[in-house]
Amino acid sequence: DQEAATVYASVSQAITPRLTGSLLGQFQNSVYNGGAFDKETDRLFLLGLNFEYQFTPHLSGHFGYTYDKLDAFNESGFVTHPNFDRNRVYIGLTANY
């Protein structure tokens, strides 16, 4: 199994009556218990910037960017499985009824 502790913060701000922006930051520290990765630690950092534009009360568009970073290491501080940096960009459309 894995024990995890997470801290996050999110801020949302109306930029115009139809455009809203939000910023999200998150940190997660996880420790494995047992198995092949016993006592190894994962540290995950996330930072996201998102925008929503309300075309009508039932239709909105979304776009944003998220940066993720994972650091994995054992008790001695040695990297044990692949670390990564990831950049994600997305665009979407939401319809409500």
PDB file of N, CA and C in Angstrom:
ATOM      1  N   ASP A   1       0.836  -1.174   0.000  1.00  0.00           N
ATOM      2  CA  ASP A   1       0.000   0.000   0.000  1.00  0.00           C
ATOM      3  C   ASP A   1       0.885   1.243   0.000  1.00  0.00           C
ATOM      4  N   GLN A   2       0.248   2.370   0.006  1.00  0.00           N
ATOM      5  CA  GLN A   2       0.960   3.646  -0.040  1.00  0.00           C
ATOM      6  C   GLN A   2       0.227   4.646   0.843  1.00  0.00           C
ATOM      7  N   GLU A   3       0.973   5.366   1.667  1.00  0.00           N
ATOM      8  CA  GLU A   3       0.405   6.447   2.468  1.00  0.00           C
ATOM      9  C   GLU A   3       0.757   7.759   1.792  1.00  0.00           C
ATOM     10  N   ALA A   4      -0.220   8.648   1.688  1.00  0.00           N
ATOM     11  CA  ALA A   4       0.007   9.913   0.987  1.00  0.00           C
ATOM     12  C   ALA A   4      -0.562  11.074   1.797  1.00  0.00           C
ATOM     13  N   ALA A   5       0.144  12.195   1.724  1.00  0.00           N
ATOM     14  CA  ALA A   5      -0.330  13.455   2.298  1.00  0.00           C
ATOM     15  C   ALA A   5      -0.302  14.490   1.181  1.00  0.00           C
ATOM     16  N   THR A   6      -1.378  15.267   1.073  1.00  0.00           N
ATOM     17  CA  THR A   6      -1.507  16.231  -0.015  1.00  0.00           C
ATOM     18  C   THR A   6      -1.861  17.604   0.537  1.00  0.00           C
ATOM     19  N   VAL A   7      -1.224  18.624  -0.044  1.00  0.00           N
ATOM     20  CA  VAL A   7      -1.541  20.014   0.263  1.00  0.00           C
ATOM     21  C   VAL A   7      -1.797  20.697  -1.072  1.00  0.00           C
ATOM     22  N   TYR A   8      -2.884  21.469  -1.150  1.00  0.00           N
ATOM     23  CA  TYR A   8      -3.158  22.174  -2.400  1.00  0.00           C
ATOM     24  C   TYR A   8      -3.796  23.521  -2.127  1.00  0.00           C
ATOM     25  N   ALA A   9      -3.703  24.375  -3.113  1.00  0.00           N
ATOM     26  CA  ALA A   9      -4.349  25.684  -3.043  1.00  0.00           C
ATOM     27  C   ALA A   9      -4.919  25.992  -4.421  1.00  0.00           C
ATOM     28  N   SER A  10      -6.062  26.643  -4.438  1.00  0.00           N
ATOM     29  CA  SER A  10      -6.710  26.996  -5.685  1.00  0.00           C
ATOM     30  C   SER A  10      -7.293  28.399  -5.560  1.00  0.00           C
ATOM     31  N   VAL A  11      -7.076  29.208  -6.596  1.00  0.00           N
ATOM     32  CA  VAL A  11      -7.605  30.563  -6.630  1.00  0.00           C
ATOM     33  C   VAL A  11      -8.335  30.738  -7.951  1.00  0.00           C
ATOM     34  N   SER A  12      -9.532  31.285  -7.894  1.00  0.00           N
ATOM     35  CA  SER A  12     -10.322  31.534  -9.095  1.00  0.00           C
ATOM     36  C   SER A  12     -10.720  33.007  -9.111  1.00  0.00           C
ATOM     37  N   GLN A  13     -10.657  33.606 -10.299  1.00  0.00           N
ATOM     38  CA  GLN A  13     -10.953  35.034 -10.416  1.00  0.00           C
ATOM     39  C   GLN A  13     -11.731  35.303 -11.700  1.00  0.00           C
ATOM     40  N   ALA A  14     -12.837  36.041 -11.580  1.00  0.00           N
ATOM     41  CA  ALA A  14     -13.571  36.494 -12.766  1.00  0.00           C
ATOM     42  C   ALA A  14     -12.768  37.629 -13.402  1.00  0.00           C
ATOM     43  N   ILE A  15     -12.381  37.447 -14.660  1.00  0.00           N
ATOM     44  CA  ILE A  15     -11.604  38.458 -15.375  1.00  0.00           C
ATOM     45  C   ILE A  15     -12.546  39.422 -16.089  1.00  0.00           C
ATOM     46  N   THR A  16     -13.557  38.871 -16.715  1.00  0.00           N
ATOM     47  CA  THR A  16     -14.670  39.622 -17.296  1.00  0.00           C
ATOM     48  C   THR A  16     -15.936  38.878 -16.878  1.00  0.00           C
ATOM     49  N   PRO A  17     -17.126  39.395 -17.180  1.00  0.00           N
ATOM     50  CA  PRO A  17     -18.331  38.652 -16.801  1.00  0.00           C
ATOM     51  C   PRO A  17     -18.408  37.248 -17.422  1.00  0.00           C
ATOM     52  N   ARG A  18     -17.740  37.024 -18.561  1.00  0.00           N
ATOM     53  CA  ARG A  18     -17.795  35.705 -19.212  1.00  0.00           C
ATOM     54  C   ARG A  18     -16.520  34.893 -19.094  1.00  0.00           C
ATOM     55  N   LEU A  19     -15.410  35.509 -18.687  1.00  0.00           N
ATOM     56  CA  LEU A  19     -14.119  34.822 -18.626  1.00  0.00           C
ATOM     57  C   LEU A  19     -13.648  34.690 -17.182  1.00  0.00           C
ATOM     58  N   THR A  20     -13.327  33.462 -16.785  1.00  0.00           N
ATOM     59  CA  THR A  20     -12.829  33.178 -15.442  1.00  0.00           C
ATOM     60  C   THR A  20     -11.481  32.473 -15.558  1.00  0.00           C
ATOM     61  N   GLY A  21     -10.548  32.870 -14.720  1.00  0.00           N
ATOM     62  CA  GLY A  21      -9.242  32.225 -14.672  1.00  0.00           C
ATOM     63  C   GLY A  21      -9.031  31.576 -13.323  1.00  0.00           C
ATOM     64  N   SER A  22      -8.280  30.491 -13.305  1.00  0.00           N
ATOM     65  CA  SER A  22      -7.969  29.843 -12.034  1.00  0.00           C
ATOM     66  C   SER A  22      -6.539  29.333 -12.040  1.00  0.00           C
ATOM     67  N   LEU A  23      -5.970  29.296 -10.843  1.00  0.00           N
ATOM     68  CA  LEU A  23      -4.612  28.832 -10.635  1.00  0.00           C
ATOM     69  C   LEU A  23      -4.658  27.765  -9.552  1.00  0.00           C
ATOM     70  N   LEU A  24      -4.012  26.626  -9.803  1.00  0.00           N
ATOM     71  CA  LEU A  24      -4.012  25.519  -8.854  1.00  0.00           C
ATOM     72  C   LEU A  24      -2.580  25.086  -8.603  1.00  0.00           C
ATOM     73  N   GLY A  25      -2.229  24.881  -7.347  1.00  0.00           N
ATOM     74  CA  GLY A  25      -0.939  24.328  -6.962  1.00  0.00           C
ATOM     75  C   GLY A  25      -1.171  23.164  -6.021  1.00  0.00           C
ATOM     76  N   GLN A  26      -0.394  22.087  -6.186  1.00  0.00           N
ATOM     77  CA  GLN A  26      -0.567  20.903  -5.345  1.00  0.00           C
ATOM     78  C   GLN A  26       0.780  20.237  -5.099  1.00  0.00           C
ATOM     79  N   PHE A  27       0.959  19.726  -3.877  1.00  0.00           N
ATOM     80  CA  PHE A  27       2.122  18.925  -3.530  1.00  0.00           C
ATOM     81  C   PHE A  27       1.620  17.663  -2.845  1.00  0.00           C
ATOM     82  N   GLN A  28       2.144  16.508  -3.268  1.00  0.00           N
ATOM     83  CA  GLN A  28       1.764  15.233  -2.652  1.00  0.00           C
ATOM     84  C   GLN A  28       3.024  14.449  -2.321  1.00  0.00           C
ATOM     85  N   ASN A  29       3.123  13.992  -1.088  1.00  0.00           N
ATOM     86  CA  ASN A  29       4.237  13.154  -0.635  1.00  0.00           C
ATOM     87  C   ASN A  29       3.667  11.777  -0.323  1.00  0.00           C
ATOM     88  N   SER A  30       4.204  10.733  -0.974  1.00  0.00           N
ATOM     89  CA  SER A  30       3.700   9.372  -0.799  1.00  0.00           C
ATOM     90  C   SER A  30       4.831   8.435  -0.423  1.00  0.00           C
ATOM     91  N   VAL A  31       4.568   7.519   0.509  1.00  0.00           N
ATOM     92  CA  VAL A  31       5.548   6.520   0.939  1.00  0.00           C
ATOM     93  C   VAL A  31       4.919   5.142   0.756  1.00  0.00           C
ATOM     94  N   TYR A  32       5.663   4.247   0.083  1.00  0.00           N
ATOM     95  CA  TYR A  32       5.199   2.879  -0.144  1.00  0.00           C
ATOM     96  C   TYR A  32       5.472   2.030   1.095  1.00  0.00           C
ATOM     97  N   ASN A  33       4.547   1.127   1.405  1.00  0.00           N
ATOM     98  CA  ASN A  33       4.668   0.203   2.536  1.00  0.00           C
ATOM     99  C   ASN A  33       4.613  -1.221   2.005  1.00  0.00           C
ATOM    100  N   GLY A  34       5.757  -1.906   2.010  1.00  0.00           N
ATOM    101  CA  GLY A  34       5.810  -3.287   1.535  1.00  0.00           C
ATOM    102  C   GLY A  34       6.009  -3.369   0.039  1.00  0.00           C
ATOM    103  N   GLY A  35       6.202  -4.578  -0.439  1.00  0.00           N
ATOM    104  CA  GLY A  35       6.357  -4.807  -1.869  1.00  0.00           C
ATOM    105  C   GLY A  35       7.714  -4.385  -2.395  1.00  0.00           C
ATOM    106  N   ALA A  36       7.831  -4.339  -3.709  1.00  0.00           N
ATOM    107  CA  ALA A  36       9.097  -4.038  -4.376  1.00  0.00           C
ATOM    108  C   ALA A  36       9.613  -2.628  -4.084  1.00  0.00           C
ATOM    109  N   PHE A  37       8.710  -1.694  -3.758  1.00  0.00           N
ATOM    110  CA  PHE A  37       9.113  -0.301  -3.525  1.00  0.00           C
ATOM    111  C   PHE A  37       9.028   0.086  -2.049  1.00  0.00           C
ATOM    112  N   ASP A  38       9.131  -0.894  -1.145  1.00  0.00           N
ATOM    113  CA  ASP A  38       8.991  -0.642   0.286  1.00  0.00           C
ATOM    114  C   ASP A  38       9.868   0.530   0.744  1.00  0.00           C
ATOM    115  N   LYS A  39       9.273   1.453   1.471  1.00  0.00           N
ATOM    116  CA  LYS A  39       9.908   2.641   2.053  1.00  0.00           C
ATOM    117  C   LYS A  39      10.426   3.640   1.028  1.00  0.00           C
ATOM    118  N   GLU A  40      10.044   3.499  -0.227  1.00  0.00           N
ATOM    119  CA  GLU A  40      10.420   4.493  -1.233  1.00  0.00           C
ATOM    120  C   GLU A  40       9.402   5.624  -1.214  1.00  0.00           C
ATOM    121  N   THR A  41       9.831   6.778  -1.664  1.00  0.00           N
ATOM    122  CA  THR A  41       9.014   7.986  -1.594  1.00  0.00           C
ATOM    123  C   THR A  41       8.796   8.574  -2.977  1.00  0.00           C
ATOM    124  N   ASP A  42       7.580   9.009  -3.237  1.00  0.00           N
ATOM    125  CA  ASP A  42       7.248   9.783  -4.431  1.00  0.00           C
ATOM    126  C   ASP A  42       6.856  11.180  -3.975  1.00  0.00           C
ATOM    127  N   ARG A  43       7.387  12.185  -4.646  1.00  0.00           N
ATOM    128  CA  ARG A  43       6.963  13.569  -4.410  1.00  0.00           C
ATOM    129  C   ARG A  43       6.446  14.115  -5.721  1.00  0.00           C
ATOM    130  N   LEU A  44       5.187  14.505  -5.701  1.00  0.00           N
ATOM    131  CA  LEU A  44       4.522  14.994  -6.906  1.00  0.00           C
ATOM    132  C   LEU A  44       4.176  16.466  -6.725  1.00  0.00           C
ATOM    133  N   PHE A  45       4.568  17.282  -7.706  1.00  0.00           N
ATOM    134  CA  PHE A  45       4.261  18.711  -7.727  1.00  0.00           C
ATOM    135  C   PHE A  45       3.404  18.988  -8.952  1.00  0.00           C
ATOM    136  N   LEU A  46       2.324  19.756  -8.787  1.00  0.00           N
ATOM    137  CA  LEU A  46       1.465  20.131  -9.904  1.00  0.00           C
ATOM    138  C   LEU A  46       1.201  21.626  -9.847  1.00  0.00           C
ATOM    139  N   LEU A  47       1.193  22.257 -11.011  1.00  0.00           N
ATOM    140  CA  LEU A  47       0.870  23.672 -11.117  1.00  0.00           C
ATOM    141  C   LEU A  47       0.025  23.841 -12.367  1.00  0.00           C
ATOM    142  N   GLY A  48      -1.152  24.434 -12.229  1.00  0.00           N
ATOM    143  CA  GLY A  48      -2.053  24.575 -13.368  1.00  0.00           C
ATOM    144  C   GLY A  48      -2.633  25.969 -13.490  1.00  0.00           C
ATOM    145  N   LEU A  49      -2.807  26.408 -14.726  1.00  0.00           N
ATOM    146  CA  LEU A  49      -3.448  27.674 -15.054  1.00  0.00           C
ATOM    147  C   LEU A  49      -4.568  27.363 -16.044  1.00  0.00           C
ATOM    148  N   ASN A  50      -5.790  27.747 -15.707  1.00  0.00           N
ATOM    149  CA  ASN A  50      -6.962  27.379 -16.508  1.00  0.00           C
ATOM    150  C   ASN A  50      -7.854  28.587 -16.745  1.00  0.00           C
ATOM    151  N   PHE A  51      -8.512  28.573 -17.893  1.00  0.00           N
ATOM    152  CA  PHE A  51      -9.465  29.627 -18.235  1.00  0.00           C
ATOM    153  C   PHE A  51     -10.761  29.006 -18.732  1.00  0.00           C
ATOM    154  N   GLU A  52     -11.873  29.649 -18.383  1.00  0.00           N
ATOM    155  CA  GLU A  52     -13.191  29.220 -18.862  1.00  0.00           C
ATOM    156  C   GLU A  52     -13.902  30.435 -19.437  1.00  0.00           C
ATOM    157  N   TYR A  53     -14.455  30.269 -20.645  1.00  0.00           N
ATOM    158  CA  TYR A  53     -15.244  31.332 -21.275  1.00  0.00           C
ATOM    159  C   TYR A  53     -16.670  30.837 -21.431  1.00  0.00           C
ATOM    160  N   GLN A  54     -17.629  31.579 -20.877  1.00  0.00           N
ATOM    161  CA  GLN A  54     -19.047  31.209 -20.891  1.00  0.00           C
ATOM    162  C   GLN A  54     -19.699  31.831 -22.119  1.00  0.00           C
ATOM    163  N   PHE A  55     -19.928  31.014 -23.183  1.00  0.00           N
ATOM    164  CA  PHE A  55     -20.569  31.513 -24.397  1.00  0.00           C
ATOM    165  C   PHE A  55     -22.047  31.806 -24.156  1.00  0.00           C
ATOM    166  N   THR A  56     -22.724  30.870 -23.535  1.00  0.00           N
ATOM    167  CA  THR A  56     -24.134  30.999 -23.167  1.00  0.00           C
ATOM    168  C   THR A  56     -24.280  30.372 -21.783  1.00  0.00           C
ATOM    169  N   PRO A  57     -25.456  30.465 -21.164  1.00  0.00           N
ATOM    170  CA  PRO A  57     -25.617  29.804 -19.863  1.00  0.00           C
ATOM    171  C   PRO A  57     -25.417  28.284 -19.935  1.00  0.00           C
ATOM    172  N   HIS A  58     -25.505  27.705 -21.146  1.00  0.00           N
ATOM    173  CA  HIS A  58     -25.405  26.249 -21.290  1.00  0.00           C
ATOM    174  C   HIS A  58     -24.171  25.772 -22.055  1.00  0.00           C
ATOM    175  N   LEU A  59     -23.316  26.675 -22.508  1.00  0.00           N
ATOM    176  CA  LEU A  59     -22.161  26.293 -23.311  1.00  0.00           C
ATOM    177  C   LEU A  59     -20.929  27.103 -22.896  1.00  0.00           C
ATOM    178  N   SER A  60     -19.841  26.400 -22.578  1.00  0.00           N
ATOM    179  CA  SER A  60     -18.607  27.092 -22.187  1.00  0.00           C
ATOM    180  C   SER A  60     -17.395  26.401 -22.808  1.00  0.00           C
ATOM    181  N   GLY A  61     -16.354  27.189 -23.019  1.00  0.00           N
ATOM    182  CA  GLY A  61     -15.100  26.680 -23.543  1.00  0.00           C
ATOM    183  C   GLY A  61     -14.036  26.750 -22.465  1.00  0.00           C
ATOM    184  N   HIS A  62     -13.103  25.818 -22.514  1.00  0.00           N
ATOM    185  CA  HIS A  62     -12.057  25.729 -21.502  1.00  0.00           C
ATOM    186  C   HIS A  62     -10.713  25.566 -22.186  1.00  0.00           C
ATOM    187  N   PHE A  63      -9.692  26.187 -21.632  1.00  0.00           N
ATOM    188  CA  PHE A  63      -8.328  25.917 -22.076  1.00  0.00           C
ATOM    189  C   PHE A  63      -7.382  26.142 -20.902  1.00  0.00           C
ATOM    190  N   GLY A  64      -6.278  25.428 -20.931  1.00  0.00           N
ATOM    191  CA  GLY A  64      -5.362  25.547 -19.811  1.00  0.00           C
ATOM    192  C   GLY A  64      -4.049  24.844 -20.031  1.00  0.00           C
ATOM    193  N   TYR A  65      -3.205  24.986 -19.030  1.00  0.00           N
ATOM    194  CA  TYR A  65      -1.867  24.407 -19.023  1.00  0.00           C
ATOM    195  C   TYR A  65      -1.601  23.841 -17.637  1.00  0.00           C
ATOM    196  N   THR A  66      -0.989  22.650 -17.586  1.00  0.00           N
ATOM    197  CA  THR A  66      -0.611  22.040 -16.321  1.00  0.00           C
ATOM    198  C   THR A  66       0.818  21.518 -16.418  1.00  0.00           C
ATOM    199  N   TYR A  67       1.603  21.794 -15.386  1.00  0.00           N
ATOM    200  CA  TYR A  67       2.968  21.275 -15.272  1.00  0.00           C
ATOM    201  C   TYR A  67       2.991  20.287 -14.120  1.00  0.00           C
ATOM    202  N   ASP A  68       3.508  19.077 -14.364  1.00  0.00           N
ATOM    203  CA  ASP A  68       3.627  18.037 -13.344  1.00  0.00           C
ATOM    204  C   ASP A  68       5.092  17.653 -13.210  1.00  0.00           C
ATOM    205  N   LYS A  69       5.520  17.384 -11.985  1.00  0.00           N
ATOM    206  CA  LYS A  69       6.888  16.907 -11.743  1.00  0.00           C
ATOM    207  C   LYS A  69       6.827  15.826 -10.681  1.00  0.00           C
ATOM    208  N   LEU A  70       7.422  14.665 -10.977  1.00  0.00           N
ATOM    209  CA  LEU A  70       7.474  13.560 -10.029  1.00  0.00           C
ATOM    210  C   LEU A  70       8.929  13.245  -9.720  1.00  0.00           C
ATOM    211  N   ASP A  71       9.264  13.232  -8.437  1.00  0.00           N
ATOM    212  CA  ASP A  71      10.576  12.804  -7.964  1.00  0.00           C
ATOM    213  C   ASP A  71      10.367  11.553  -7.125  1.00  0.00           C
ATOM    214  N   ALA A  72      11.106  10.489  -7.440  1.00  0.00           N
ATOM    215  CA  ALA A  72      10.989   9.223  -6.713  1.00  0.00           C
ATOM    216  C   ALA A  72      12.368   8.821  -6.204  1.00  0.00           C
ATOM    217  N   PHE A  73      12.439   8.433  -4.925  1.00  0.00           N
ATOM    218  CA  PHE A  73      13.736   8.063  -4.347  1.00  0.00           C
ATOM    219  C   PHE A  73      13.535   7.159  -3.147  1.00  0.00           C
ATOM    220  N   ASN A  74      14.630   6.482  -2.728  1.00  0.00           N
ATOM    221  CA  ASN A  74      14.564   5.600  -1.564  1.00  0.00           C
ATOM    222  C   ASN A  74      15.082   6.322  -0.320  1.00  0.00           C
ATOM    223  N   GLU A  75      15.208   5.587   0.788  1.00  0.00           N
ATOM    224  CA  GLU A  75      15.634   6.195   2.056  1.00  0.00           C
ATOM    225  C   GLU A  75      17.013   6.852   1.969  1.00  0.00           C
ATOM    226  N   SER A  76      17.873   6.339   1.089  1.00  0.00           N
ATOM    227  CA  SER A  76      19.227   6.875   0.937  1.00  0.00           C
ATOM    228  C   SER A  76      19.291   8.059  -0.012  1.00  0.00           C
ATOM    229  N   GLY A  77      18.161   8.410  -0.620  1.00  0.00           N
ATOM    230  CA  GLY A  77      18.114   9.537  -1.536  1.00  0.00           C
ATOM    231  C   GLY A  77      18.431   9.180  -2.976  1.00  0.00           C
ATOM    232  N   PHE A  78      18.562   7.869  -3.283  1.00  0.00           N
ATOM    233  CA  PHE A  78      18.847   7.445  -4.646  1.00  0.00           C
ATOM    234  C   PHE A  78      17.556   7.310  -5.445  1.00  0.00           C
ATOM    235  N   VAL A  79      17.605   7.720  -6.712  1.00  0.00           N
ATOM    236  CA  VAL A  79      16.447   7.589  -7.599  1.00  0.00           C
ATOM    237  C   VAL A  79      16.198   6.111  -7.834  1.00  0.00           C
ATOM    238  N   THR A  80      14.947   5.678  -7.660  1.00  0.00           N
ATOM    239  CA  THR A  80      14.629   4.254  -7.747  1.00  0.00           C
ATOM    240  C   THR A  80      13.785   3.883  -8.952  1.00  0.00           C
ATOM    241  N   HIS A  81      12.966   4.746  -9.411  1.00  0.00           N
ATOM    242  CA  HIS A  81      12.227   4.510 -10.649  1.00  0.00           C
ATOM    243  C   HIS A  81      12.114   5.841 -11.373  1.00  0.00           C
ATOM    244  N   PRO A  82      11.769   5.821 -12.645  1.00  0.00           N
ATOM    245  CA  PRO A  82      11.880   7.044 -13.462  1.00  0.00           C
ATOM    246  C   PRO A  82      11.135   8.245 -12.883  1.00  0.00           C
ATOM    247  N   ASN A  83      11.831   9.359 -12.828  1.00  0.00           N
ATOM    248  CA  ASN A  83      11.223  10.648 -12.503  1.00  0.00           C
ATOM    249  C   ASN A  83      10.747  11.261 -13.808  1.00  0.00           C
ATOM    250  N   PHE A  84       9.846  12.224 -13.714  1.00  0.00           N
ATOM    251  CA  PHE A  84       9.425  12.872 -14.951  1.00  0.00           C
ATOM    252  C   PHE A  84       8.991  14.304 -14.718  1.00  0.00           C
ATOM    253  N   ASP A  85       9.054  15.080 -15.785  1.00  0.00           N
ATOM    254  CA  ASP A  85       8.462  16.408 -15.888  1.00  0.00           C
ATOM    255  C   ASP A  85       7.477  16.299 -17.041  1.00  0.00           C
ATOM    256  N   ARG A  86       6.273  16.813 -16.858  1.00  0.00           N
ATOM    257  CA  ARG A  86       5.252  16.699 -17.907  1.00  0.00           C
ATOM    258  C   ARG A  86       4.557  18.042 -18.075  1.00  0.00           C
ATOM    259  N   ASN A  87       4.390  18.433 -19.313  1.00  0.00           N
ATOM    260  CA  ASN A  87       3.645  19.639 -19.667  1.00  0.00           C
ATOM    261  C   ASN A  87       2.388  19.213 -20.409  1.00  0.00           C
ATOM    262  N   ARG A  88       1.249  19.690 -19.953  1.00  0.00           N
ATOM    263  CA  ARG A  88      -0.018  19.349 -20.612  1.00  0.00           C
ATOM    264  C   ARG A  88      -0.757  20.628 -20.976  1.00  0.00           C
ATOM    265  N   VAL A  89      -1.256  20.667 -22.183  1.00  0.00           N
ATOM    266  CA  VAL A  89      -2.088  21.765 -22.656  1.00  0.00           C
ATOM    267  C   VAL A  89      -3.405  21.146 -23.112  1.00  0.00           C
ATOM    268  N   TYR A  90      -4.509  21.776 -22.768  1.00  0.00           N
ATOM    269  CA  TYR A  90      -5.786  21.216 -23.181  1.00  0.00           C
ATOM    270  C   TYR A  90      -6.742  22.319 -23.631  1.00  0.00           C
ATOM    271  N   ILE A  91      -7.715  21.901 -24.398  1.00  0.00           N
ATOM    272  CA  ILE A  91      -8.811  22.765 -24.818  1.00  0.00           C
ATOM    273  C   ILE A  91     -10.057  21.899 -24.837  1.00  0.00           C
ATOM    274  N   GLY A  92     -11.184  22.468 -24.417  1.00  0.00           N
ATOM    275  CA  GLY A  92     -12.409  21.670 -24.343  1.00  0.00           C
ATOM    276  C   GLY A  92     -13.653  22.506 -24.430  1.00  0.00           C
ATOM    277  N   LEU A  93     -14.763  21.837 -24.571  1.00  0.00           N
ATOM    278  CA  LEU A  93     -16.078  22.458 -24.667  1.00  0.00           C
ATOM    279  C   LEU A  93     -17.024  21.697 -23.745  1.00  0.00           C
ATOM    280  N   THR A  94     -17.812  22.436 -22.962  1.00  0.00           N
ATOM    281  CA  THR A  94     -18.776  21.824 -22.050  1.00  0.00           C
ATOM    282  C   THR A  94     -20.170  22.320 -22.371  1.00  0.00           C
ATOM    283  N   ALA A  95     -21.101  21.385 -22.484  1.00  0.00           N
ATOM    284  CA  ALA A  95     -22.511  21.727 -22.726  1.00  0.00           C
ATOM    285  C   ALA A  95     -23.332  21.212 -21.535  1.00  0.00           C
ATOM    286  N   ASN A  96     -24.183  22.067 -20.977  1.00  0.00           N
ATOM    287  CA  ASN A  96     -25.071  21.729 -19.871  1.00  0.00           C
ATOM    288  C   ASN A  96     -26.509  21.889 -20.305  1.00  0.00           C
ATOM    289  N   TYR A  97     -27.394  21.145 -19.686  1.00  0.00           N
ATOM    290  CA  TYR A  97     -28.814  21.358 -19.952  1.00  0.00           C
ATOM    291  C   TYR A  97     -29.594  21.339 -18.666  1.00  0.00           C
TER     292      TYR A  97
END
